[in-house]
């Protein structure tokens, strides 16, 4: 079983506003950076989406994965098992249910451990992820975060 180390970060300018995520994947000699920007989203969505996209990059199931994140929202929701209680209540009253469901589809395929790291504290790869996420949020041709935009229409009574 291979060990994969993943650093993730999310950003939203204005929160909500344009946002992006940054990811660093490392395994042995392999190193990969990923990022993507979205036209309207939140920081928490980008933090969670970075974890999802990182796990979706793994080609085979069964890896031992250590994910480093500066998001207490993501790390605590999983490590303190809150998300599993939300499932039992069908995510009633919880934000980002679309992303949590996507996360829960990929999470069991690996042995995943989460490690919280303090943001903006000099951790090399967390800083790289932050730079990638912010640059993606400032990018052109930003993607649509359909889950967020649909939830805003619903909250505003547009359907």
Protein backbone atom coordinates (compact mmCIF):
# COMPACT_ATOMS: atom_id res chain seq x y z
CA UNK A 1 0.00 0.00 0.00
CA UNK A 2 1.42 3.38 -1.05
CA UNK A 3 1.50 6.50 1.10
CA UNK A 4 0.18 9.73 -0.38
CA UNK A 5 0.66 13.14 1.23
CA UNK A 6 -1.79 15.85 0.22
CA UNK A 7 -1.86 19.53 1.14
CA UNK A 8 -5.01 21.51 0.39
CA UNK A 9 -6.29 25.04 0.72
CA UNK A 10 -9.25 27.10 -0.39
CA UNK A 11 -9.84 30.79 -0.87
CA UNK A 12 -12.76 33.10 -1.51
CA UNK A 13 -12.25 36.78 -2.18
CA UNK A 14 -15.02 38.48 -0.25
CA UNK A 15 -16.45 35.20 1.05
CA UNK A 16 -18.71 34.82 -0.83
CA UNK A 17 -17.02 35.94 -3.98
CA UNK A 18 -14.60 34.60 -6.56
CA UNK A 19 -12.79 31.62 -5.11
CA UNK A 20 -10.34 28.88 -5.81
CA UNK A 21 -8.56 25.88 -4.42
CA UNK A 22 -4.95 24.75 -4.40
CA UNK A 23 -3.62 21.23 -3.98
CA UNK A 24 -0.18 19.65 -3.65
CA UNK A 25 -0.01 15.85 -4.03
CA UNK A 26 3.19 13.97 -3.09
CA UNK A 27 4.10 10.32 -3.19
CA UNK A 28 7.72 9.25 -3.25
CA UNK A 29 9.35 11.13 -6.14
CA UNK A 30 5.99 12.21 -7.55
CA UNK A 31 4.82 15.80 -7.06
CA UNK A 32 1.77 17.48 -8.58
CA UNK A 33 0.09 20.86 -8.10
CA UNK A 34 -3.55 21.51 -9.01
CA UNK A 35 -5.81 24.55 -8.81
CA UNK A 36 -9.09 25.84 -10.19
CA UNK A 37 -11.03 29.06 -9.80
CA UNK A 38 -14.77 29.70 -9.45
CA UNK A 39 -16.73 32.87 -10.14
CA UNK A 40 -18.88 32.86 -6.96
CA UNK A 41 -18.38 30.60 -3.96
CA UNK A 42 -17.32 30.49 -0.31
CA UNK A 43 -14.08 29.72 1.48
CA UNK A 44 -15.53 26.62 3.18
CA UNK A 45 -16.70 25.23 -0.17
CA UNK A 46 -13.23 25.70 -1.66
CA UNK A 47 -11.55 24.13 1.38
CA UNK A 48 -13.78 21.06 1.06
CA UNK A 49 -13.60 20.93 -2.74
CA UNK A 50 -9.80 20.90 -2.58
CA UNK A 51 -9.92 17.72 -0.48
CA UNK A 52 -12.46 16.10 -2.82
CA UNK A 53 -10.54 16.91 -6.00
CA UNK A 54 -7.30 15.68 -4.42
CA UNK A 55 -8.84 12.32 -3.48
CA UNK A 56 -10.45 12.02 -6.91
CA UNK A 57 -6.97 12.25 -8.47
CA UNK A 58 -5.92 8.92 -6.95
CA UNK A 59 -6.16 6.30 -9.68
CA UNK A 60 -6.57 3.18 -7.54
CA UNK A 61 -8.34 2.53 -4.23
CA UNK A 62 -6.56 1.50 -1.06
CA UNK A 63 -3.95 4.20 -0.55
CA UNK A 64 -2.87 5.43 2.85
CA UNK A 65 -3.50 9.15 2.58
CA UNK A 66 -2.52 11.93 4.94
CA UNK A 67 -4.27 15.21 4.16
CA UNK A 68 -2.95 18.45 5.61
CA UNK A 69 -5.49 21.26 5.77
CA UNK A 70 -5.73 24.58 7.56
CA UNK A 71 -9.53 24.32 7.58
CA UNK A 72 -11.00 23.52 10.98
CA UNK A 73 -14.36 23.26 9.17
CA UNK A 74 -13.13 20.33 7.08
CA UNK A 75 -10.80 18.63 9.55
CA UNK A 76 -13.16 18.80 12.54
CA UNK A 77 -16.21 17.77 10.51
CA UNK A 78 -14.44 14.54 9.59
CA UNK A 79 -12.16 13.81 12.52
CA UNK A 80 -14.89 14.56 15.08
CA UNK A 81 -17.30 12.53 12.92
CA UNK A 82 -19.88 15.33 12.65
CA UNK A 83 -20.42 14.63 8.95
CA UNK A 84 -21.58 11.09 9.69
CA UNK A 85 -24.28 12.46 11.98
CA UNK A 86 -25.32 14.87 9.22
CA UNK A 87 -25.78 11.90 6.88
CA UNK A 88 -28.24 10.32 9.32
CA UNK A 89 -30.27 13.55 9.23
CA UNK A 90 -29.92 13.80 5.42
CA UNK A 91 -27.87 17.00 5.90
CA UNK A 92 -30.98 18.87 7.06
CA UNK A 93 -30.01 22.46 7.78
CA UNK A 94 -26.37 21.92 6.74
CA UNK A 95 -24.57 23.92 4.11
CA UNK A 96 -22.52 22.32 1.35
CA UNK A 97 -24.46 19.05 1.38
CA UNK A 98 -23.66 18.56 -2.31
CA UNK A 99 -19.93 18.61 -1.61
CA UNK A 100 -20.16 16.52 1.57
CA UNK A 101 -22.03 13.83 -0.39
CA UNK A 102 -19.35 13.93 -3.09
CA UNK A 103 -16.67 13.66 -0.37
CA UNK A 104 -18.39 10.69 1.25
CA UNK A 105 -18.45 8.85 -2.10
CA UNK A 106 -14.63 8.99 -2.42
CA UNK A 107 -13.50 8.99 1.23
CA UNK A 108 -14.07 5.26 1.97
CA UNK A 109 -11.90 4.19 -0.98
CA UNK A 110 -8.72 5.02 0.95
CA UNK A 111 -7.35 5.05 4.47
CA UNK A 112 -7.50 8.78 5.07
CA UNK A 113 -6.02 10.67 8.00
CA UNK A 114 -6.49 14.42 8.42
CA UNK A 115 -3.92 16.71 9.98
CA UNK A 116 -4.78 20.31 10.79
CA UNK A 117 -2.00 22.81 10.08
CA UNK A 118 -2.05 26.46 11.05
CA UNK A 119 -2.52 28.62 7.98
CA UNK A 120 -0.04 31.36 7.10
CA UNK A 121 2.43 29.97 9.61
CA UNK A 122 5.31 29.12 7.27
CA UNK A 123 4.37 25.55 6.36
CA UNK A 124 5.94 25.28 2.90
CA UNK A 125 3.26 23.25 1.15
CA UNK A 126 0.35 24.98 2.88
CA UNK A 127 1.79 28.26 1.60
CA UNK A 128 2.08 26.83 -1.93
CA UNK A 129 -1.57 25.74 -1.77
CA UNK A 130 -2.63 29.16 -0.52
CA UNK A 131 -0.82 30.85 -3.41
CA UNK A 132 -2.41 28.45 -5.91
CA UNK A 133 -5.89 29.02 -4.45
CA UNK A 134 -5.63 32.81 -4.42
CA UNK A 135 -4.18 32.90 -7.95
CA UNK A 136 -7.02 30.65 -9.15
CA UNK A 137 -9.60 32.97 -7.54
CA UNK A 138 -8.04 35.89 -9.43
CA UNK A 139 -7.98 33.95 -12.70
CA UNK A 140 -9.93 34.43 -15.90
CA UNK A 141 -12.59 32.06 -17.23
CA UNK A 142 -13.68 31.07 -13.74
CA UNK A 143 -15.80 27.95 -13.36
CA UNK A 144 -19.38 27.95 -12.04
CA UNK A 145 -19.83 26.48 -8.56
CA UNK A 146 -23.25 25.14 -9.46
CA UNK A 147 -24.00 23.82 -5.97
CA UNK A 148 -23.36 27.21 -4.41
CA UNK A 149 -25.19 29.21 -7.05
CA UNK A 150 -28.20 26.87 -6.92
CA UNK A 151 -28.32 27.14 -3.12
CA UNK A 152 -28.34 30.93 -3.39
CA UNK A 153 -31.26 30.86 -5.83
CA UNK A 154 -33.11 28.55 -3.45
CA UNK A 155 -32.41 30.79 -0.43
CA UNK A 156 -33.55 33.83 -2.39
CA UNK A 157 -36.77 32.10 -3.46
CA UNK A 158 -35.99 31.98 -7.16
CA UNK A 159 -37.24 28.37 -7.47
